[in-house]
Each structure stands twice: as structure tokens, then as C-alpha cells.
Amino acid sequence: MEAITFSPAQMHLITLMSHIKTSHALDQLRDQLADFYARQVDEEMEQLWDSGEWNEEKLQSLENAHFRTPYK
């Protein structure tokens, strides 16, 4: 059996999870994590705009793009 090694971030989250006693508290934690990742995405997109790697033209090119896998 292979041992699992957790990162410091994973260990911290596991420790936090031990204090979650209600479904409401779990929902609150989920919301906080979602907000954290949304802020990360916003910051990265802002960097792309500022650097010129992302612009209005690229955004418009995605307006009618279809990336879904076609199924028969």
C-alpha cells in the first residue's frame, strides 16, 4: 500500500474540516473557498488584460465558439 503525502495546504484544510460540525458551517466554508478561487481568477484575468495577452478581440472571438464535444 502506498503512503499518501499531503501538502501543507491540504493538511491545513483537513485540520479545519475537523471543526465543521454542521451542514451550515460546511456550506459557509464552501462559499469562502469559492470566493477565494473567484478572486484568484479575477486577479489572473486582470494580469492578462494588463499584459495584453487578453483583449476585447479575443473575448469577442469566444462569443460564438462551440467547444463542447459533439455526440452522435
C-alpha atoms as a PDB file:
ATOM      1  CA  MET A   1       0.000   0.000   0.000  1.00  0.00           C
ATOM      2  CA  GLU A   2       1.349   3.404  -0.998  1.00  0.00           C
ATOM      3  CA  ALA A   3       1.504   6.164   1.621  1.00  0.00           C
ATOM      4  CA  ILE A   4      -0.318   9.395   0.837  1.00  0.00           C
ATOM      5  CA  THR A   5       1.603  12.608   1.403  1.00  0.00           C
ATOM      6  CA  PHE A   6      -0.389  15.783   1.926  1.00  0.00           C
ATOM      7  CA  SER A   7       0.836  19.279   1.186  1.00  0.00           C
ATOM      8  CA  PRO A   8       0.808  21.880   3.967  1.00  0.00           C
ATOM      9  CA  ALA A   9      -2.315  23.432   2.420  1.00  0.00           C
ATOM     10  CA  GLN A  10      -4.095  20.085   2.379  1.00  0.00           C
ATOM     11  CA  MET A  11      -3.128  19.431   5.997  1.00  0.00           C
ATOM     12  CA  HIS A  12      -4.446  22.840   6.998  1.00  0.00           C
ATOM     13  CA  LEU A  13      -7.788  22.170   5.283  1.00  0.00           C
ATOM     14  CA  ILE A  14      -8.051  18.756   6.923  1.00  0.00           C
ATOM     15  CA  THR A  15      -7.477  20.383  10.303  1.00  0.00           C
ATOM     16  CA  LEU A  16     -10.144  22.997   9.521  1.00  0.00           C
ATOM     17  CA  MET A  17     -12.578  20.289   8.487  1.00  0.00           C
ATOM     18  CA  SER A  18     -12.339  18.692  11.929  1.00  0.00           C
ATOM     19  CA  HIS A  19     -14.073  21.801  13.326  1.00  0.00           C
ATOM     20  CA  ILE A  20     -17.018  21.622  10.892  1.00  0.00           C
ATOM     21  CA  LYS A  21     -19.951  20.299  12.891  1.00  0.00           C
ATOM     22  CA  THR A  22     -22.993  21.344  10.860  1.00  0.00           C
ATOM     23  CA  SER A  23     -24.055  21.376   7.245  1.00  0.00           C
ATOM     24  CA  HIS A  24     -24.465  25.163   7.541  1.00  0.00           C
ATOM     25  CA  ALA A  25     -20.817  25.524   8.582  1.00  0.00           C
ATOM     26  CA  LEU A  26     -19.779  23.331   5.647  1.00  0.00           C
ATOM     27  CA  ASP A  27     -21.823  25.492   3.286  1.00  0.00           C
ATOM     28  CA  GLN A  28     -20.117  28.597   4.661  1.00  0.00           C
ATOM     29  CA  LEU A  29     -16.681  27.054   4.123  1.00  0.00           C
ATOM     30  CA  ARG A  30     -17.616  26.065   0.564  1.00  0.00           C
ATOM     31  CA  ASP A  31     -18.749  29.627  -0.106  1.00  0.00           C
ATOM     32  CA  GLN A  32     -15.493  31.016   1.250  1.00  0.00           C
ATOM     33  CA  LEU A  33     -13.432  28.646  -0.892  1.00  0.00           C
ATOM     34  CA  ALA A  34     -15.478  29.520  -3.973  1.00  0.00           C
ATOM     35  CA  ASP A  35     -14.960  33.235  -3.263  1.00  0.00           C
ATOM     36  CA  PHE A  36     -11.224  32.657  -2.829  1.00  0.00           C
ATOM     37  CA  TYR A  37     -10.914  30.943  -6.200  1.00  0.00           C
ATOM     38  CA  ALA A  38     -13.124  33.517  -7.905  1.00  0.00           C
ATOM     39  CA  ARG A  39     -10.814  36.279  -6.643  1.00  0.00           C
ATOM     40  CA  GLN A  40      -7.800  34.317  -7.911  1.00  0.00           C
ATOM     41  CA  VAL A  41      -9.358  34.033 -11.371  1.00  0.00           C
ATOM     42  CA  ASP A  42     -10.232  37.741 -11.366  1.00  0.00           C
ATOM     43  CA  GLU A  43      -6.654  38.671 -10.450  1.00  0.00           C
ATOM     44  CA  GLU A  44      -5.178  36.431 -13.147  1.00  0.00           C
ATOM     45  CA  MET A  45      -7.560  37.781 -15.786  1.00  0.00           C
ATOM     46  CA  GLU A  46      -6.634  41.319 -14.761  1.00  0.00           C
ATOM     47  CA  GLN A  47      -2.960  40.445 -15.269  1.00  0.00           C
ATOM     48  CA  LEU A  48      -3.715  39.021 -18.725  1.00  0.00           C
ATOM     49  CA  TRP A  49      -5.581  42.215 -19.696  1.00  0.00           C
ATOM     50  CA  ASP A  50      -2.793  44.425 -18.340  1.00  0.00           C
ATOM     51  CA  SER A  51      -0.116  42.461 -20.188  1.00  0.00           C
ATOM     52  CA  GLY A  52      -2.077  42.481 -23.457  1.00  0.00           C
ATOM     53  CA  GLU A  53      -2.277  38.681 -23.612  1.00  0.00           C
ATOM     54  CA  TRP A  54      -6.058  39.004 -23.386  1.00  0.00           C
ATOM     55  CA  ASN A  55      -8.110  41.718 -25.024  1.00  0.00           C
ATOM     56  CA  GLU A  56     -11.553  42.621 -26.299  1.00  0.00           C
ATOM     57  CA  GLU A  57     -10.863  40.981 -29.676  1.00  0.00           C
ATOM     58  CA  LYS A  58     -10.058  37.620 -28.074  1.00  0.00           C
ATOM     59  CA  LEU A  59     -13.080  37.932 -25.849  1.00  0.00           C
ATOM     60  CA  GLN A  60     -15.341  38.611 -28.838  1.00  0.00           C
ATOM     61  CA  SER A  61     -13.865  35.637 -30.724  1.00  0.00           C
ATOM     62  CA  LEU A  62     -15.244  33.366 -27.986  1.00  0.00           C
ATOM     63  CA  GLU A  63     -18.746  34.782 -28.244  1.00  0.00           C
ATOM     64  CA  ASN A  64     -19.923  32.180 -30.761  1.00  0.00           C
ATOM     65  CA  ALA A  65     -17.323  29.475 -30.091  1.00  0.00           C
ATOM     66  CA  HIS A  66     -18.524  25.933 -29.519  1.00  0.00           C
ATOM     67  CA  PHE A  67     -16.101  23.814 -27.532  1.00  0.00           C
ATOM     68  CA  ARG A  68     -18.459  21.068 -26.474  1.00  0.00           C
ATOM     69  CA  THR A  69     -17.747  17.540 -27.596  1.00  0.00           C
ATOM     70  CA  PRO A  70     -20.148  16.595 -30.404  1.00  0.00           C
ATOM     71  CA  TYR A  71     -22.142  13.485 -29.581  1.00  0.00           C
ATOM     72  CA  LYS A  72     -23.840  11.279 -32.125  1.00  0.00           C
END
